[in-house]
Protein backbone atom coordinates (compact mmCIF):
# COMPACT_ATOMS: atom_id res chain seq x y z
CA MET A 1 -11.36 -102.81 13.22
CA GLU A 2 -11.51 -105.61 10.68
CA ASN A 3 -14.22 -104.45 8.28
CA GLY A 4 -15.41 -105.80 4.98
CA ILE A 5 -17.39 -106.03 1.79
CA SER A 6 -20.30 -108.04 0.41
CA VAL A 7 -20.14 -109.81 -2.94
CA TYR A 8 -23.06 -111.64 -4.54
CA ALA A 9 -23.19 -114.21 -7.31
CA GLY A 10 -26.02 -114.13 -9.83
CA LEU A 11 -27.12 -110.53 -9.35
CA GLY A 12 -25.88 -108.74 -12.44
CA ALA A 13 -22.25 -107.92 -11.71
CA SER A 14 -19.86 -109.97 -13.82
CA VAL A 15 -17.43 -112.43 -12.28
CA GLU A 16 -14.61 -110.18 -13.48
CA ASP A 17 -16.11 -107.12 -11.77
CA ASN A 18 -16.64 -109.04 -8.56
CA ILE A 19 -13.08 -110.37 -8.51
CA GLU A 20 -11.73 -106.91 -9.26
CA LEU A 21 -13.73 -105.56 -6.28
CA ILE A 22 -12.31 -108.28 -4.03
CA GLU A 23 -8.76 -107.41 -5.06
CA ARG A 24 -9.30 -103.65 -4.59
CA ALA A 25 -10.83 -104.19 -1.15
CA ALA A 26 -7.93 -106.43 -0.10
CA SER A 27 -5.40 -103.84 -1.24
CA MET A 28 -7.07 -101.28 1.06
CA GLY A 29 -6.83 -103.55 4.08
CA LEU A 30 -10.40 -104.85 4.30
CA LYS A 31 -10.51 -108.29 5.90
CA LYS A 32 -14.06 -109.67 5.85
CA PHE A 33 -16.15 -110.95 2.95
CA PHE A 34 -19.91 -111.57 3.21
CA THR A 35 -22.01 -113.50 0.72
CA SER A 36 -25.34 -115.28 0.65
CA THR A 37 -26.98 -118.24 -1.03
CA GLN A 38 -30.46 -117.18 0.10
CA ILE A 39 -31.40 -114.55 -2.49
CA PRO A 40 -34.21 -115.87 -4.74
CA GLU A 41 -33.43 -113.49 -7.60
CA ALA A 42 -29.88 -114.87 -7.77
CA MET A 43 -31.04 -118.47 -8.14
CA THR A 44 -33.03 -118.24 -11.37
CA ASP A 45 -30.13 -119.97 -13.14
CA VAL A 46 -28.74 -122.35 -10.51
CA GLU A 47 -25.83 -123.64 -12.58
CA ARG A 48 -24.66 -120.14 -13.43
CA PHE A 49 -25.06 -119.08 -9.80
CA TYR A 50 -22.80 -121.84 -8.51
CA ASP A 51 -20.20 -121.18 -11.19
CA GLU A 52 -20.05 -117.51 -10.16
CA PHE A 53 -20.19 -118.41 -6.46
CA THR A 54 -17.23 -120.77 -6.81
CA ALA A 55 -15.19 -118.12 -8.62
CA ILE A 56 -15.77 -115.34 -6.08
CA ILE A 57 -15.15 -117.64 -3.12
CA GLY A 58 -11.86 -118.69 -4.72
CA ALA A 59 -10.86 -115.05 -5.13
CA ALA A 60 -11.75 -114.30 -1.51
CA VAL A 61 -9.64 -117.23 -0.32
CA ASP A 62 -6.72 -116.12 -2.50
CA ASN A 63 -6.91 -112.64 -0.93
CA ASP A 64 -7.01 -113.94 2.66
CA PHE A 65 -10.51 -112.77 3.54
CA GLU A 66 -12.55 -114.20 6.37
CA ILE A 67 -15.51 -115.55 4.38
CA ILE A 68 -18.90 -115.13 6.06
CA LEU A 69 -21.58 -117.29 4.48
CA ASP A 70 -25.23 -116.58 5.25
CA VAL A 71 -27.01 -119.93 5.62
CA ASN A 72 -30.26 -121.36 6.94
CA ALA A 73 -30.97 -124.77 8.38
CA ASP A 74 -32.21 -126.09 5.03
CA ASN A 75 -29.25 -125.19 2.83
CA ILE A 76 -26.32 -125.63 5.23
CA ILE A 77 -25.91 -129.26 4.15
CA ALA A 78 -25.13 -128.12 0.59
CA PHE A 79 -21.71 -126.75 1.58
CA ASP A 80 -18.34 -127.99 2.66
CA PHE A 81 -18.20 -125.19 5.17
CA GLU A 82 -14.81 -125.70 6.77
CA GLU A 83 -13.41 -122.54 5.16
CA PHE A 84 -16.41 -120.35 6.07
CA THR A 85 -17.67 -118.46 9.09
CA LEU A 86 -21.33 -119.51 9.13
CA ARG A 87 -23.79 -116.70 9.70
CA LEU A 88 -26.82 -118.60 11.01
CA ASP A 89 -30.13 -117.27 9.75
CA ASP A 90 -33.46 -119.11 10.10
CA GLY A 91 -34.30 -122.57 11.30
CA PHE A 92 -31.51 -123.48 13.73
CA ASP A 93 -32.56 -124.68 17.17
CA ILE A 94 -30.46 -123.92 20.20
CA GLY A 95 -28.95 -127.39 20.34
CA GLN A 96 -27.74 -127.15 16.74
CA VAL A 97 -26.20 -123.73 17.41
CA ALA A 98 -24.37 -125.03 20.49
CA ASP A 99 -23.12 -128.09 18.61
CA LEU A 100 -21.90 -126.02 15.65
CA SER A 101 -20.04 -123.65 17.97
CA ARG A 102 -17.92 -126.50 19.29
CA ILE A 103 -16.54 -127.38 15.86
CA HIS A 104 -16.75 -124.20 13.80
CA ARG A 105 -16.83 -120.40 13.69
CA ILE A 106 -20.41 -119.15 13.68
CA GLN A 107 -22.22 -115.82 13.72
CA LEU A 108 -25.56 -115.22 15.40
CA ASN A 109 -28.20 -112.89 14.00
CA ALA A 110 -27.67 -109.87 16.24
CA SER A 111 -30.88 -108.17 15.09
CA VAL A 112 -33.17 -110.80 16.61
CA MET A 113 -31.02 -112.33 19.35
CA THR A 114 -32.31 -112.46 22.93
CA GLU A 115 -30.62 -112.61 26.31
CA ASP A 116 -32.51 -115.83 27.12
CA PHE A 117 -31.07 -117.52 24.01
CA LEU A 118 -27.54 -116.49 24.91
CA LYS A 119 -27.96 -117.71 28.49
CA ALA A 120 -29.28 -121.03 27.20
CA LEU A 121 -26.25 -121.35 24.89
CA ALA A 122 -23.98 -120.83 27.88
CA ASN A 123 -25.87 -123.50 29.81
CA LEU A 124 -25.31 -125.93 26.91
CA ASP A 125 -21.55 -125.27 27.07
CA ALA A 126 -21.44 -123.61 23.66
CA ASN A 127 -17.96 -122.46 22.67
CA PHE A 128 -18.30 -118.69 22.88
CA GLY A 129 -14.76 -118.39 21.55
CA ASN A 130 -16.15 -119.47 18.16
CA ILE A 131 -19.21 -117.20 18.27
CA SER A 132 -19.63 -113.64 17.02
CA ALA A 133 -22.70 -111.78 15.78
CA LEU A 134 -23.80 -109.90 12.68
CA HIS A 135 -26.95 -107.82 12.26
CA ASN A 136 -29.34 -108.16 9.34
CA TYR A 137 -29.42 -105.77 6.43
CA TYR A 138 -32.84 -104.49 5.35
CA PRO A 139 -33.41 -104.05 1.59
CA HIS A 140 -37.01 -102.83 2.08
CA VAL A 141 -37.11 -99.09 2.77
CA ASN A 142 -38.45 -98.10 6.22
CA THR A 143 -37.74 -101.54 7.75
CA GLY A 144 -34.22 -100.95 9.11
CA LEU A 145 -33.48 -100.96 12.82
CA GLU A 146 -34.05 -98.02 15.17
CA ASN A 147 -30.88 -96.57 16.68
CA TYR A 148 -31.68 -97.26 20.33
CA TYR A 149 -32.61 -100.89 19.62
CA PHE A 150 -29.40 -101.39 17.65
CA SER A 151 -27.34 -99.95 20.51
CA ASP A 152 -29.15 -102.08 23.10
CA GLN A 153 -28.61 -105.27 21.07
CA ASN A 154 -24.92 -104.47 20.74
CA LYS A 155 -24.58 -103.94 24.49
CA MET A 156 -26.26 -107.29 25.13
CA MET A 157 -23.80 -109.01 22.79
CA HIS A 158 -20.86 -107.30 24.46
CA ASP A 159 -22.12 -108.39 27.90
CA PHE A 160 -21.69 -111.98 26.70
CA GLY A 161 -18.22 -111.26 25.32
CA LEU A 162 -19.26 -111.31 21.65
CA THR A 163 -18.09 -109.00 18.89
CA VAL A 164 -20.88 -107.68 16.71
CA GLY A 165 -21.01 -106.27 13.19
CA ALA A 166 -23.54 -104.50 10.99
CA PHE A 167 -24.11 -103.30 7.43
CA VAL A 168 -23.94 -99.92 5.73
CA ALA A 169 -25.34 -99.17 2.30
CA SER A 170 -23.42 -97.82 -0.65
CA ARG A 171 -24.80 -94.40 -1.59
CA ASP A 172 -22.52 -93.46 -4.48
CA GLY A 173 -21.90 -96.91 -5.95
CA ILE A 174 -24.43 -99.33 -7.46
CA ARG A 175 -27.02 -100.57 -5.00
CA ARG A 176 -27.86 -104.24 -5.08
CA PRO A 177 -30.92 -105.39 -7.03
CA PRO A 178 -33.76 -106.16 -7.04
CA LEU A 179 -34.91 -103.19 -4.90
CA CYS A 180 -31.77 -101.02 -5.12
CA GLU A 181 -32.76 -99.17 -1.92
CA GLY A 182 -29.49 -99.83 -0.09
CA LEU A 183 -28.52 -102.74 2.15
CA THR A 184 -28.38 -101.10 5.55
CA THR A 185 -28.86 -102.22 9.14
CA LEU A 186 -29.98 -98.81 10.48
CA GLU A 187 -32.90 -97.09 8.81
CA THR A 188 -31.53 -93.70 9.88
CA THR A 189 -28.44 -94.13 7.73
CA ARG A 190 -30.04 -95.61 4.59
CA ASN A 191 -29.25 -92.55 2.46
CA PHE A 192 -26.31 -91.17 4.40
CA SER A 193 -22.86 -91.32 2.87
CA THR A 194 -21.17 -94.64 3.52
CA ASP A 195 -18.52 -92.80 5.52
CA LEU A 196 -21.06 -91.19 7.87
CA SER A 197 -23.10 -94.40 8.12
CA ALA A 198 -20.04 -96.38 9.15
CA ARG A 199 -19.12 -93.83 11.81
CA TYR A 200 -22.68 -94.06 13.18
CA LEU A 201 -22.46 -97.84 13.50
CA ALA A 202 -19.12 -97.62 15.27
CA ALA A 203 -20.41 -94.91 17.61
CA LEU A 204 -23.39 -97.11 18.51
CA GLY A 205 -21.28 -100.10 19.42
CA ALA A 206 -20.48 -102.05 16.23
CA ASP A 207 -17.12 -103.81 16.36
CA PHE A 208 -16.91 -104.29 12.60
CA VAL A 209 -18.74 -102.86 9.60
CA MET A 210 -19.65 -104.46 6.28
CA ILE A 211 -20.68 -102.63 3.10
CA GLY A 212 -23.92 -104.40 2.22
CA ASP A 213 -24.20 -103.42 -1.44
CA GLY A 214 -21.97 -105.27 -3.87
CA GLN A 215 -20.50 -102.46 -6.02
CA PRO A 216 -19.24 -99.63 -3.79
CA THR A 217 -16.91 -96.87 -4.92
CA ASP A 218 -13.23 -96.65 -4.02
CA GLU A 219 -14.02 -93.75 -1.67
CA GLU A 220 -16.58 -95.88 0.15
CA LEU A 221 -14.14 -98.77 0.45
CA LYS A 222 -11.51 -96.43 1.86
CA ALA A 223 -13.95 -94.93 4.38
CA VAL A 224 -14.81 -98.33 5.79
CA ALA A 225 -11.21 -99.57 5.65
CA THR A 226 -9.98 -96.64 7.76
CA LEU A 227 -12.88 -96.60 10.24
CA LYS A 228 -12.10 -96.45 13.97
CA ASN A 229 -14.36 -97.70 16.73
CA ASP A 230 -12.39 -96.30 19.66
CA GLU A 231 -13.03 -92.67 18.68
CA ILE A 232 -16.05 -90.79 17.33
CA ILE A 233 -14.92 -88.61 14.43
CA ILE A 234 -17.25 -85.72 13.60
CA ARG A 235 -17.03 -83.47 10.56
CA ALA A 236 -17.26 -79.76 11.28
CA ARG A 237 -16.72 -76.35 9.68
CA LEU A 238 -14.11 -74.04 11.14
CA LEU A 239 -15.39 -70.59 12.11
CA THR A 240 -12.09 -69.27 13.41
CA LEU A 241 -8.90 -68.21 11.69
CA ASP A 242 -6.90 -68.25 14.92
CA PRO A 243 -4.01 -70.73 14.41
CA THR A 244 -3.83 -71.58 18.12
CA SER A 245 -7.51 -72.50 18.22
CA ILE A 246 -7.17 -74.56 15.03
CA GLU A 247 -4.17 -76.41 16.44
CA LEU A 248 -6.00 -77.03 19.71
CA LEU A 249 -9.02 -78.52 17.92
CA SER A 250 -6.82 -80.87 15.88
CA ASN A 251 -6.37 -83.13 18.91
CA THR A 252 -8.37 -86.13 20.12
CA PHE A 253 -10.47 -85.37 23.18
CA THR A 254 -12.23 -87.37 25.90
CA SER A 255 -15.62 -86.43 27.32
CA ARG A 256 -15.74 -85.89 31.05
CA PRO A 257 -17.20 -88.63 33.28
CA GLU A 258 -20.09 -86.53 34.57
CA ILE A 259 -23.14 -85.67 32.44
CA THR A 260 -23.92 -81.97 32.10
CA ARG A 261 -27.17 -80.39 30.99
CA SER A 262 -26.12 -78.18 28.08
CA VAL A 263 -22.65 -79.11 26.84
CA ILE A 264 -20.19 -81.94 26.35
CA ARG A 265 -16.98 -80.97 28.11
CA ALA A 266 -13.61 -82.24 26.92
CA VAL A 267 -11.12 -83.34 29.55
CA GLU A 268 -7.96 -82.25 27.78
CA GLY A 269 -8.53 -78.78 26.28
CA ARG A 270 -6.75 -76.74 28.93
CA LYS A 271 -3.92 -79.28 29.15
CA TYR A 272 -3.36 -79.17 25.38
CA LEU A 273 -3.34 -75.37 25.45
CA ALA A 274 -0.78 -75.35 28.28
CA ARG A 275 1.52 -77.49 26.13
CA LEU A 276 1.20 -74.97 23.31
CA ASP A 277 2.01 -72.16 25.77
CA LYS A 278 -0.34 -69.83 23.87
CA VAL A 279 -3.28 -67.59 24.70
CA ILE A 280 -6.83 -67.79 23.32
CA SER A 281 -7.82 -64.20 22.69
CA PRO A 282 -11.50 -63.19 22.75
CA ASP A 283 -13.40 -63.02 19.46
CA GLU A 284 -14.23 -59.50 18.39
CA SER A 285 -17.95 -60.28 18.65
CA ALA A 286 -19.49 -63.04 20.73
CA VAL A 287 -22.36 -64.96 19.15
CA GLU A 288 -25.24 -67.09 20.35
CA ARG A 289 -24.32 -70.75 20.80
CA THR A 290 -26.61 -73.27 19.11
CA TYR A 291 -26.63 -77.07 19.01
CA GLY A 292 -23.41 -78.37 17.47
CA CYS A 293 -21.27 -75.33 18.14
CA VAL A 294 -17.70 -76.16 19.19
CA THR A 295 -16.46 -73.59 21.67
CA ILE A 296 -13.19 -72.65 23.34
CA ASP A 297 -13.06 -70.58 26.51
CA ASN A 298 -10.84 -67.54 25.99
CA GLU A 299 -8.52 -65.69 28.38
CA ARG A 300 -11.43 -63.78 29.96
CA PHE A 301 -12.51 -67.07 31.57
CA GLY A 302 -9.33 -67.15 33.65
CA ARG A 303 -8.12 -70.64 34.53
CA TYR A 304 -10.77 -72.19 32.23
CA MET A 305 -9.01 -70.76 29.17
CA GLY A 306 -8.67 -73.53 26.58
CA GLU A 307 -11.68 -75.56 27.71
CA VAL A 308 -13.32 -77.20 24.68
CA GLN A 309 -17.06 -77.87 24.65
CA ILE A 310 -19.72 -79.10 22.23
CA VAL A 311 -23.02 -77.30 22.75
CA GLU A 312 -26.18 -79.40 23.07
CA ASP A 313 -28.55 -76.54 23.89
CA LEU A 314 -29.36 -72.96 22.94
CA LEU A 315 -27.04 -70.73 24.96
CA PRO A 316 -26.62 -66.94 24.93
CA ALA A 317 -23.55 -65.15 23.64
CA ASP A 318 -20.76 -64.91 26.20
CA GLY A 319 -17.69 -62.74 25.67
CA ARG A 320 -15.61 -65.30 27.54
CA VAL A 321 -16.40 -68.05 25.02
CA ASN A 322 -15.28 -68.26 21.38
CA VAL A 323 -17.39 -70.22 18.88
CA ALA A 324 -14.56 -71.85 16.93
CA ALA A 325 -16.41 -74.37 14.76
CA LYS A 326 -19.84 -75.73 13.88
CA ILE A 327 -20.63 -79.42 13.44
CA LEU A 328 -22.18 -80.12 10.04
CA GLU A 329 -25.94 -80.63 10.23
CA ASP A 330 -25.86 -84.22 8.92
CA GLU A 331 -23.33 -85.07 11.62
CA ASN A 332 -25.33 -83.70 14.57
CA GLY A 333 -26.66 -87.14 15.45
CA LEU A 334 -23.15 -88.26 16.31
CA VAL A 335 -23.03 -85.71 19.12
CA SER A 336 -25.65 -87.68 21.07
CA CYS A 337 -23.45 -90.78 20.71
CA ILE A 338 -20.68 -89.18 22.80
CA LYS A 339 -21.07 -90.82 26.18
CA GLN A 340 -19.03 -90.47 29.37
CA ARG A 341 -15.29 -91.00 28.89
CA GLN A 342 -15.77 -91.30 25.12
CA LYS A 343 -12.94 -90.27 22.80
CA PHE A 344 -13.89 -87.89 19.99
CA SER A 345 -12.24 -85.66 17.43
CA PHE A 346 -13.15 -83.28 14.63
CA ARG A 347 -12.55 -83.55 10.91
CA PHE A 348 -12.43 -80.20 9.15
CA ASP A 349 -13.12 -80.47 5.40
């Protein structure tokens, strides 16, 4: 994934701090840079704004970022936009979008895009090779997108061959004024850690992730820089001391193609155990299995020994099944994101 940061001129952070952020992000492998000229609070001193804007754009160019500039139909003429990817906000008609796509890289607003608009672009011979999509961020609390809508919009974009990105807020850094409520696409994740928020976006179909707030911490930069979108990573707490079980759960798994009522079944558990040539002994006391329990079938289950499951129900204790770990409560929502044939793994803190 090529993920990124957001940097804003005229909103309190000094030019020096913004350039230092750009350099830190580049050193961690982040590739995309988002900025906007449509924030009223930033434009109270227009001359100062454009001085700062010029400086941060220069730093982004020097550090080889893809620069994404948020523009509307009224202010696009103010820029020599050859070096930018243009994220098209309000006021562009379908003919203008098609024309721009033939000569330049553009991004559509994924949060409001419709299938009819995309079909019409195709009919106008728009160059889809130059088109990607980026969701809105929502500074106003309680106005971010619902998860299912976000996922559906992403699927629609993918059906047309488009990559799609979205924003996560900084929780531990400095949130962008004037509201300082976090610049997030999903309302669910507004106050989650940036790490967990980014993993949610990836699990729901985002191809790249941007930190919306302009002064994130190093830990937040690292979390986004190392994000994967081909595997759902879920934090959990180990409940077993058995080294074989711990080694087994350190692998990446794939969910089975069929949908079961009460559990997510991993394809590879028994195969991984066979490679280890070990035995999973029964726990001394079996316990009730609740939502988010990670279980391993023990030797009492015969040929099923080594099967790894995530529980999505309330199931009784079973002496043939060891409860080896428990998914952290804040991470439970990621379990529902594990679809058929989805890769997933556990992170034990």
